[in-house]
Structure formats: structure tokens, C-alpha cells
Amino acid sequence: MNSKKICAILIASAALAAFGAAAQSQQGSAGQGIKQDAKAVGHGVADGARDVGHATKHVAKKVGHGAKEAGTGIGHGAKKAGVAVGHGAREGWDATKHAVKQVFGKDG
């Protein structure tokens, strides 16, 4: 389940608890206790939602930093490979040029 679904469920639960408590409080003698219980449930849901948000933020940061490091490593590896290919191509060209000069007698 992703964080949006979790938050929606938490908010829906809090709203349902608050609505139920409000409806009960209008009916009779235990109204004040129910209101306080609903308030406590609301605070608990809010605290839980905040904790989920913080955990989601923490995980997102870890994933983002890991992706950055992986990208940097890949970029540096690609640069090294490109330099190596360039040097190899240059050495190949120099060897080919030298061989052609030897074959056609333009040794120099």
C-alpha cells in the first residue's frame, strides 16, 4: 500500500470516529466521555499519520541519495570507459598509420 492510500484510510477513520462520537454525544448522558474518546482517537490517528509521513520522507531520501550515488558511479565509469576507448582508438590509428607507411615505403 502506498502512502496516499494509508493517509486516506487514516483520515477516513478519524472522520468516522469523530462523526460517530458527535452523533453519540447528542443522544445522552455519556456524551462528554465519547467526545473525549473521539478526540483521543483523532489525536492518535494524526500522530500515526505524522509518523507514516516521516517514515515515507526518510525512505524517499534514502532512495534518492542511493539513486544519485549510483548515477554518479555509472557516470564516472562511463567516462573512464570512454577515455579508455579513445586511447585504444588512437593507439590503433597510430599502429595502422605506421603499418601503411611501412608498406608504401614512406617510413618516417
Protein backbone atom coordinates (compact mmCIF):
# COMPACT_ATOMS: atom_id res chain seq x y z
CA MET A 1 0.00 0.00 0.00
CA ASN A 2 1.39 3.40 -0.85
CA SER A 3 1.41 6.42 1.44
CA LYS A 4 -1.55 8.12 -0.26
CA LYS A 5 -3.79 5.12 0.43
CA ILE A 6 -2.58 4.89 4.03
CA CYS A 7 -3.24 8.60 4.63
CA ALA A 8 -6.70 8.31 3.05
CA ILE A 9 -7.53 5.38 5.32
CA LEU A 10 -6.27 7.25 8.41
CA ILE A 11 -8.25 10.37 7.55
CA ALA A 12 -11.39 8.35 6.81
CA SER A 13 -11.04 6.51 10.12
CA ALA A 14 -10.60 9.75 12.04
CA ALA A 15 -13.62 11.32 10.33
CA LEU A 16 -15.75 8.24 11.00
CA ALA A 17 -14.71 8.18 14.65
CA ALA A 18 -15.40 11.89 15.07
CA PHE A 19 -18.76 11.64 13.31
CA GLY A 20 -19.78 8.63 15.37
CA ALA A 21 -18.77 10.35 18.56
CA ALA A 22 -20.65 13.52 17.65
CA ALA A 23 -23.78 11.53 16.88
CA GLN A 24 -23.50 9.62 20.16
CA SER A 25 -22.87 12.75 22.21
CA GLN A 26 -26.18 14.23 21.18
CA GLN A 27 -28.08 11.16 22.41
CA GLY A 28 -27.44 11.05 26.08
CA SER A 29 -25.52 11.08 29.31
CA ALA A 30 -22.22 9.57 28.14
CA GLY A 31 -21.76 12.31 25.53
CA GLN A 32 -18.78 14.02 27.16
CA GLY A 33 -16.83 10.77 27.56
CA ILE A 34 -17.50 9.85 23.95
CA LYS A 35 -16.34 13.26 22.78
CA GLN A 36 -13.12 12.87 24.73
CA ASP A 37 -12.64 9.35 23.35
CA ALA A 38 -13.19 10.62 19.82
CA LYS A 39 -10.71 13.42 20.42
CA ALA A 40 -8.14 10.93 21.72
CA VAL A 41 -8.71 8.69 18.68
CA GLY A 42 -8.29 11.70 16.42
CA HIS A 43 -5.01 12.60 18.07
CA GLY A 44 -3.83 9.01 17.78
CA VAL A 45 -4.71 8.89 14.10
CA ALA A 46 -2.99 12.22 13.50
CA ASP A 47 0.14 11.03 15.32
CA GLY A 48 0.12 7.83 13.27
CA ALA A 49 -0.29 9.77 10.04
CA ARG A 50 2.61 12.05 11.01
CA ASP A 51 4.79 9.02 11.75
CA VAL A 52 3.88 7.48 8.39
CA GLY A 53 4.73 10.77 6.68
CA HIS A 54 8.10 10.98 8.41
CA ALA A 55 8.91 7.37 7.54
CA THR A 56 7.91 7.95 3.93
CA LYS A 57 10.12 11.04 3.77
CA HIS A 58 13.04 9.12 5.27
CA VAL A 59 12.68 6.26 2.78
CA ALA A 60 12.32 8.67 -0.14
CA LYS A 61 15.53 10.45 0.89
CA LYS A 62 17.41 7.15 1.13
CA VAL A 63 16.17 6.07 -2.30
CA GLY A 64 17.00 9.45 -3.80
CA HIS A 65 20.51 9.53 -2.38
CA GLY A 66 21.12 5.93 -3.46
CA ALA A 67 19.99 6.75 -6.98
CA LYS A 68 22.26 9.81 -7.02
CA GLU A 69 25.26 7.77 -5.91
CA ALA A 70 24.51 5.02 -8.41
CA GLY A 71 24.15 7.58 -11.19
CA THR A 72 27.41 9.25 -10.23
CA GLY A 73 29.19 5.88 -10.19
CA ILE A 74 27.76 4.96 -13.57
CA GLY A 75 28.69 8.36 -14.97
CA HIS A 76 32.27 8.12 -13.73
CA GLY A 77 32.56 4.54 -15.03
CA ALA A 78 31.24 5.62 -18.42
CA LYS A 79 33.75 8.47 -18.52
CA LYS A 80 36.62 6.10 -17.74
CA ALA A 81 35.42 3.65 -20.37
CA GLY A 82 35.12 6.45 -22.93
CA VAL A 83 38.65 7.65 -22.21
CA ALA A 84 39.98 4.08 -22.49
CA VAL A 85 38.17 3.55 -25.80
CA GLY A 86 39.53 6.86 -27.06
CA HIS A 87 43.09 5.93 -26.12
CA GLY A 88 42.69 2.50 -27.69
CA ALA A 89 41.35 4.01 -30.87
CA ARG A 90 44.24 6.48 -31.00
CA GLU A 91 46.78 3.68 -30.50
CA GLY A 92 45.06 1.63 -33.19
CA TRP A 93 45.14 4.55 -35.59
CA ASP A 94 48.83 5.19 -34.89
CA ALA A 95 49.65 1.50 -35.48
CA THR A 96 47.63 1.45 -38.73
CA LYS A 97 49.28 4.66 -39.95
CA HIS A 98 52.74 3.27 -39.18
CA ALA A 99 51.97 -0.02 -40.98
CA VAL A 100 50.69 1.82 -44.07
CA LYS A 101 53.81 3.97 -44.18
CA GLN A 102 55.98 0.87 -43.99
CA VAL A 103 54.07 -0.90 -46.75
CA PHE A 104 54.24 2.08 -49.13
CA GLY A 105 57.80 2.99 -48.24
CA LYS A 106 57.09 6.29 -46.54
CA ASP A 107 58.80 5.37 -43.31
CA GLY A 108 59.38 8.44 -41.35
